[in-house]
Each structure stands twice: as C-alpha cells, then as structure tokens.
C-alpha cells in the first residue's frame, strides 16, 4: 500500500478524493504506479474536476 507521503487529497468542498498511486486513475486512463507528480499538468480530479493545484499530500492533511 502507498505511503501517506505518496497519496494526495482533493481539498475542494466535500470532495475529499484521494489519489493513490497504487491504483492510478481508471477514469483518465492513468495506470497504477503513476506518482502524483508525474500526472499530466492538465489532469483533473475524477470526482469534482478540480486541478492538481487543489490537492495536498495526505500526510500534511492528516497532521
């Protein structure tokens, strides 16, 4: 399982989607094993459509 340092959470309203590199993003055809930092610049949250700028590391959110 991915470390909290490698997982990112959407910070928009009630979304809370967590990007897990172990799972990737099937909706946008991002394969498992893709780090958040390696996602395309135009990638968006598969739940609410927010940009990467609206995500924070899960380890920072949990602190």
PDB file of N, CA and C in Angstrom:
ATOM      1  N   UNK A   1       0.835  -1.182   0.000  1.00  0.00           N
ATOM      2  CA  UNK A   1       0.000   0.000   0.000  1.00  0.00           C
ATOM      3  C   UNK A   1       0.880   1.245   0.000  1.00  0.00           C
ATOM      4  N   UNK A   2       0.429   2.259  -0.702  1.00  0.00           N
ATOM      5  CA  UNK A   2       1.189   3.503  -0.816  1.00  0.00           C
ATOM      6  C   UNK A   2       1.322   4.182   0.541  1.00  0.00           C
ATOM      7  N   UNK A   3       2.436   4.834   0.745  1.00  0.00           N
ATOM      8  CA  UNK A   3       2.689   5.611   1.945  1.00  0.00           C
ATOM      9  C   UNK A   3       1.851   6.886   1.898  1.00  0.00           C
ATOM     10  N   UNK A   4       1.471   7.424   3.051  1.00  0.00           N
ATOM     11  CA  UNK A   4       0.685   8.669   3.084  1.00  0.00           C
ATOM     12  C   UNK A   4       1.400   9.803   2.351  1.00  0.00           C
ATOM     13  N   UNK A   5       2.721   9.771   2.347  1.00  0.00           N
ATOM     14  CA  UNK A   5       3.527  10.789   1.669  1.00  0.00           C
ATOM     15  C   UNK A   5       3.288  10.767   0.156  1.00  0.00           C
ATOM     16  N   UNK A   6       2.880   9.602  -0.378  1.00  0.00           N
ATOM     17  CA  UNK A   6       2.687   9.440  -1.816  1.00  0.00           C
ATOM     18  C   UNK A   6       1.236   9.620  -2.255  1.00  0.00           C
ATOM     19  N   UNK A   7       0.328   9.801  -1.290  1.00  0.00           N
ATOM     20  CA  UNK A   7      -1.090   9.942  -1.601  1.00  0.00           C
ATOM     21  C   UNK A   7      -1.491  11.411  -1.462  1.00  0.00           C
ATOM     22  N   UNK A   8      -2.390  11.868  -2.325  1.00  0.00           N
ATOM     23  CA  UNK A   8      -2.803  13.268  -2.352  1.00  0.00           C
ATOM     24  C   UNK A   8      -4.319  13.355  -2.248  1.00  0.00           C
ATOM     25  N   UNK A   9      -4.837  14.362  -1.514  1.00  0.00           N
ATOM     26  CA  UNK A   9      -6.277  14.508  -1.313  1.00  0.00           C
ATOM     27  C   UNK A   9      -6.770  15.830  -1.886  1.00  0.00           C
ATOM     28  N   UNK A  10      -7.906  15.756  -2.577  1.00  0.00           N
ATOM     29  CA  UNK A  10      -8.552  16.948  -3.118  1.00  0.00           C
ATOM     30  C   UNK A  10      -9.118  17.768  -1.966  1.00  0.00           C
ATOM     31  N   UNK A  11      -8.876  19.068  -1.984  1.00  0.00           N
ATOM     32  CA  UNK A  11      -9.287  19.952  -0.897  1.00  0.00           C
ATOM     33  C   UNK A  11     -10.511  20.790  -1.240  1.00  0.00           C
ATOM     34  N   UNK A  12     -11.233  20.430  -2.274  1.00  0.00           N
ATOM     35  CA  UNK A  12     -12.407  21.198  -2.696  1.00  0.00           C
ATOM     36  C   UNK A  12     -13.637  20.728  -1.926  1.00  0.00           C
ATOM     37  N   UNK A  13     -14.293  21.661  -1.250  1.00  0.00           N
ATOM     38  CA  UNK A  13     -15.557  21.401  -0.563  1.00  0.00           C
ATOM     39  C   UNK A  13     -15.685  20.027   0.045  1.00  0.00           C
ATOM     40  N   UNK A  14     -16.675  19.299  -0.387  1.00  0.00           N
ATOM     41  CA  UNK A  14     -16.947  17.971   0.151  1.00  0.00           C
ATOM     42  C   UNK A  14     -16.357  16.843  -0.683  1.00  0.00           C
ATOM     43  N   UNK A  15     -15.481  17.139  -1.604  1.00  0.00           N
ATOM     44  CA  UNK A  15     -14.942  16.108  -2.492  1.00  0.00           C
ATOM     45  C   UNK A  15     -14.124  15.085  -1.701  1.00  0.00           C
ATOM     46  N   UNK A  16     -12.923  15.459  -1.282  1.00  0.00           N
ATOM     47  CA  UNK A  16     -12.087  14.575  -0.490  1.00  0.00           C
ATOM     48  C   UNK A  16     -11.475  13.400  -1.233  1.00  0.00           C
ATOM     49  N   UNK A  17     -11.577  13.362  -2.583  1.00  0.00           N
ATOM     50  CA  UNK A  17     -10.983  12.269  -3.355  1.00  0.00           C
ATOM     51  C   UNK A  17      -9.505  12.137  -3.024  1.00  0.00           C
ATOM     52  N   UNK A  18      -9.048  10.908  -2.850  1.00  0.00           N
ATOM     53  CA  UNK A  18      -7.639  10.649  -2.561  1.00  0.00           C
ATOM     54  C   UNK A  18      -7.023   9.938  -3.759  1.00  0.00           C
ATOM     55  N   UNK A  19      -5.985  10.577  -4.326  1.00  0.00           N
ATOM     56  CA  UNK A  19      -5.251   9.938  -5.419  1.00  0.00           C
ATOM     57  C   UNK A  19      -4.244   8.984  -4.799  1.00  0.00           C
ATOM     58  N   UNK A  20      -4.361   7.713  -5.139  1.00  0.00           N
ATOM     59  CA  UNK A  20      -3.469   6.671  -4.652  1.00  0.00           C
ATOM     60  C   UNK A  20      -2.681   6.141  -5.843  1.00  0.00           C
ATOM     61  N   UNK A  21      -1.348   6.317  -5.835  1.00  0.00           N
ATOM     62  CA  UNK A  21      -0.553   5.866  -6.976  1.00  0.00           C
ATOM     63  C   UNK A  21      -0.617   4.354  -7.183  1.00  0.00           C
ATOM     64  N   UNK A  22      -0.941   3.593  -6.142  1.00  0.00           N
ATOM     65  CA  UNK A  22      -1.075   2.141  -6.296  1.00  0.00           C
ATOM     66  C   UNK A  22      -2.267   1.779  -7.179  1.00  0.00           C
ATOM     67  N   UNK A  23      -3.246   2.669  -7.239  1.00  0.00           N
ATOM     68  CA  UNK A  23      -4.450   2.414  -8.033  1.00  0.00           C
ATOM     69  C   UNK A  23      -4.477   3.177  -9.346  1.00  0.00           C
ATOM     70  N   UNK A  24      -3.812   4.330  -9.398  1.00  0.00           N
ATOM     71  CA  UNK A  24      -3.876   5.170 -10.591  1.00  0.00           C
ATOM     72  C   UNK A  24      -5.259   5.808 -10.701  1.00  0.00           C
ATOM     73  N   UNK A  25      -5.690   6.118 -11.906  1.00  0.00           N
ATOM     74  CA  UNK A  25      -6.988   6.751 -12.140  1.00  0.00           C
ATOM     75  C   UNK A  25      -7.592   6.131 -13.391  1.00  0.00           C
ATOM     76  N   UNK A  26      -8.475   5.182 -13.197  1.00  0.00           N
ATOM     77  CA  UNK A  26      -9.071   4.466 -14.330  1.00  0.00           C
ATOM     78  C   UNK A  26      -9.881   5.393 -15.223  1.00  0.00           C
ATOM     79  N   UNK A  27     -10.549   6.369 -14.640  1.00  0.00           N
ATOM     80  CA  UNK A  27     -11.384   7.280 -15.422  1.00  0.00           C
ATOM     81  C   UNK A  27     -10.572   8.020 -16.484  1.00  0.00           C
ATOM     82  N   UNK A  28      -9.356   8.423 -16.127  1.00  0.00           N
ATOM     83  CA  UNK A  28      -8.497   9.168 -17.046  1.00  0.00           C
ATOM     84  C   UNK A  28      -7.390   8.301 -17.648  1.00  0.00           C
ATOM     85  N   UNK A  29      -7.527   6.978 -17.465  1.00  0.00           N
ATOM     86  CA  UNK A  29      -6.583   6.012 -18.027  1.00  0.00           C
ATOM     87  C   UNK A  29      -5.142   6.244 -17.550  1.00  0.00           C
ATOM     88  N   UNK A  30      -5.011   6.578 -16.266  1.00  0.00           N
ATOM     89  CA  UNK A  30      -3.698   6.722 -15.638  1.00  0.00           C
ATOM     90  C   UNK A  30      -3.372   5.375 -15.001  1.00  0.00           C
ATOM     91  N   UNK A  31      -2.303   4.724 -15.432  1.00  0.00           N
ATOM     92  CA  UNK A  31      -2.002   3.389 -14.919  1.00  0.00           C
ATOM     93  C   UNK A  31      -1.553   3.388 -13.455  1.00  0.00           C
ATOM     94  N   UNK A  32      -1.801   2.270 -12.789  1.00  0.00           N
ATOM     95  CA  UNK A  32      -1.316   2.083 -11.421  1.00  0.00           C
ATOM     96  C   UNK A  32       0.196   2.255 -11.422  1.00  0.00           C
ATOM     97  N   UNK A  33       0.717   2.832 -10.350  1.00  0.00           N
ATOM     98  CA  UNK A  33       2.152   3.065 -10.240  1.00  0.00           C
ATOM     99  C   UNK A  33       2.566   4.470 -10.650  1.00  0.00           C
ATOM    100  N   UNK A  34       1.624   5.283 -11.150  1.00  0.00           N
ATOM    101  CA  UNK A  34       1.936   6.647 -11.571  1.00  0.00           C
ATOM    102  C   UNK A  34       1.913   7.577 -10.358  1.00  0.00           C
ATOM    103  N   UNK A  35       3.036   8.212 -10.069  1.00  0.00           N
ATOM    104  CA  UNK A  35       3.114   9.159  -8.959  1.00  0.00           C
ATOM    105  C   UNK A  35       2.296  10.408  -9.280  1.00  0.00           C
ATOM    106  N   UNK A  36       1.786  11.056  -8.245  1.00  0.00           N
ATOM    107  CA  UNK A  36       1.005  12.276  -8.427  1.00  0.00           C
ATOM    108  C   UNK A  36       1.814  13.316  -9.197  1.00  0.00           C
ATOM    109  N   UNK A  37       3.077  13.438  -8.867  1.00  0.00           N
ATOM    110  CA  UNK A  37       3.945  14.413  -9.512  1.00  0.00           C
ATOM    111  C   UNK A  37       4.092  14.145 -11.013  1.00  0.00           C
ATOM    112  N   UNK A  38       3.874  12.908 -11.425  1.00  0.00           N
ATOM    113  CA  UNK A  38       4.024  12.524 -12.832  1.00  0.00           C
ATOM    114  C   UNK A  38       2.720  12.597 -13.623  1.00  0.00           C
ATOM    115  N   UNK A  39       1.620  12.962 -12.962  1.00  0.00           N
ATOM    116  CA  UNK A  39       0.361  13.129 -13.682  1.00  0.00           C
ATOM    117  C   UNK A  39       0.492  14.295 -14.655  1.00  0.00           C
ATOM    118  N   UNK A  40      -0.187  14.257 -15.781  1.00  0.00           N
ATOM    119  CA  UNK A  40      -0.127  15.380 -16.725  1.00  0.00           C
ATOM    120  C   UNK A  40      -0.597  16.673 -16.060  1.00  0.00           C
ATOM    121  N   UNK A  41      -0.069  17.804 -16.502  1.00  0.00           N
ATOM    122  CA  UNK A  41      -0.445  19.097 -15.923  1.00  0.00           C
ATOM    123  C   UNK A  41      -1.934  19.384 -16.061  1.00  0.00           C
ATOM    124  N   UNK A  42      -2.557  18.819 -17.088  1.00  0.00           N
ATOM    125  CA  UNK A  42      -3.980  19.080 -17.297  1.00  0.00           C
ATOM    126  C   UNK A  42      -4.889  18.028 -16.640  1.00  0.00           C
ATOM    127  N   UNK A  43      -4.297  17.133 -15.834  1.00  0.00           N
ATOM    128  CA  UNK A  43      -5.090  16.123 -15.124  1.00  0.00           C
ATOM    129  C   UNK A  43      -6.034  16.805 -14.148  1.00  0.00           C
ATOM    130  N   UNK A  44      -7.222  16.250 -13.995  1.00  0.00           N
ATOM    131  CA  UNK A  44      -8.221  16.805 -13.074  1.00  0.00           C
ATOM    132  C   UNK A  44      -8.784  15.704 -12.189  1.00  0.00           C
ATOM    133  N   UNK A  45      -9.273  16.104 -11.044  1.00  0.00           N
ATOM    134  CA  UNK A  45      -9.890  15.181 -10.096  1.00  0.00           C
ATOM    135  C   UNK A  45     -11.027  14.434 -10.802  1.00  0.00           C
ATOM    136  N   UNK A  46     -11.037  13.097 -10.713  1.00  0.00           N
ATOM    137  CA  UNK A  46     -12.091  12.339 -11.381  1.00  0.00           C
ATOM    138  C   UNK A  46     -13.468  12.484 -10.726  1.00  0.00           C
ATOM    139  N   UNK A  47     -13.528  13.071  -9.547  1.00  0.00           N
ATOM    140  CA  UNK A  47     -14.807  13.248  -8.857  1.00  0.00           C
ATOM    141  C   UNK A  47     -15.392  14.633  -9.106  1.00  0.00           C
ATOM    142  N   UNK A  48     -14.584  15.685  -8.853  1.00  0.00           N
ATOM    143  CA  UNK A  48     -15.129  17.046  -8.937  1.00  0.00           C
ATOM    144  C   UNK A  48     -14.553  17.888 -10.075  1.00  0.00           C
ATOM    145  N   UNK A  49     -13.497  17.405 -10.733  1.00  0.00           N
ATOM    146  CA  UNK A  49     -12.919  18.128 -11.859  1.00  0.00           C
ATOM    147  C   UNK A  49     -11.904  19.199 -11.497  1.00  0.00           C
ATOM    148  N   UNK A  50     -11.487  19.261 -10.240  1.00  0.00           N
ATOM    149  CA  UNK A  50     -10.512  20.274  -9.814  1.00  0.00           C
ATOM    150  C   UNK A  50      -9.123  19.973 -10.366  1.00  0.00           C
ATOM    151  N   UNK A  51      -8.308  21.014 -10.470  1.00  0.00           N
ATOM    152  CA  UNK A  51      -6.942  20.868 -10.970  1.00  0.00           C
ATOM    153  C   UNK A  51      -6.025  20.311  -9.883  1.00  0.00           C
ATOM    154  N   UNK A  52      -4.808  19.952 -10.283  1.00  0.00           N
ATOM    155  CA  UNK A  52      -3.817  19.420  -9.350  1.00  0.00           C
ATOM    156  C   UNK A  52      -3.484  20.412  -8.242  1.00  0.00           C
ATOM    157  N   UNK A  53      -3.648  21.695  -8.506  1.00  0.00           N
ATOM    158  CA  UNK A  53      -3.328  22.713  -7.503  1.00  0.00           C
ATOM    159  C   UNK A  53      -4.227  22.637  -6.277  1.00  0.00           C
ATOM    160  N   UNK A  54      -5.353  21.968  -6.408  1.00  0.00           N
ATOM    161  CA  UNK A  54      -6.303  21.853  -5.303  1.00  0.00           C
ATOM    162  C   UNK A  54      -6.056  20.620  -4.432  1.00  0.00           C
ATOM    163  N   UNK A  55      -4.942  19.934  -4.651  1.00  0.00           N
ATOM    164  CA  UNK A  55      -4.605  18.736  -3.882  1.00  0.00           C
ATOM    165  C   UNK A  55      -3.477  19.013  -2.903  1.00  0.00           C
ATOM    166  N   UNK A  56      -3.535  18.323  -1.763  1.00  0.00           N
ATOM    167  CA  UNK A  56      -2.457  18.377  -0.769  1.00  0.00           C
ATOM    168  C   UNK A  56      -2.055  16.949  -0.427  1.00  0.00           C
ATOM    169  N   UNK A  57      -0.789  16.796  -0.043  1.00  0.00           N
ATOM    170  CA  UNK A  57      -0.325  15.481   0.393  1.00  0.00           C
ATOM    171  C   UNK A  57      -1.175  15.019   1.563  1.00  0.00           C
ATOM    172  N   UNK A  58      -1.564  13.773   1.548  1.00  0.00           N
ATOM    173  CA  UNK A  58      -2.387  13.221   2.617  1.00  0.00           C
ATOM    174  C   UNK A  58      -1.664  13.289   3.957  1.00  0.00           C
ATOM    175  N   UNK A  59      -0.347  13.155   3.949  1.00  0.00           N
ATOM    176  CA  UNK A  59       0.420  13.235   5.188  1.00  0.00           C
ATOM    177  C   UNK A  59       0.327  14.626   5.814  1.00  0.00           C
ATOM    178  N   UNK A  60       0.160  15.672   4.994  1.00  0.00           N
ATOM    179  CA  UNK A  60       0.021  17.038   5.505  1.00  0.00           C
ATOM    180  C   UNK A  60      -1.402  17.271   6.029  1.00  0.00           C
ATOM    181  N   UNK A  61      -2.383  16.674   5.383  1.00  0.00           N
ATOM    182  CA  UNK A  61      -3.778  16.825   5.778  1.00  0.00           C
ATOM    183  C   UNK A  61      -4.014  16.097   7.094  1.00  0.00           C
ATOM    184  N   UNK A  62      -3.386  14.940   7.270  1.00  0.00           N
ATOM    185  CA  UNK A  62      -3.577  14.110   8.444  1.00  0.00           C
ATOM    186  C   UNK A  62      -2.827  14.640   9.666  1.00  0.00           C
ATOM    187  N   UNK A  63      -1.853  15.518   9.436  1.00  0.00           N
ATOM    188  CA  UNK A  63      -1.003  16.010  10.541  1.00  0.00           C
ATOM    189  C   UNK A  63      -1.751  16.896  11.510  1.00  0.00           C
TER     190      UNK A  63
END
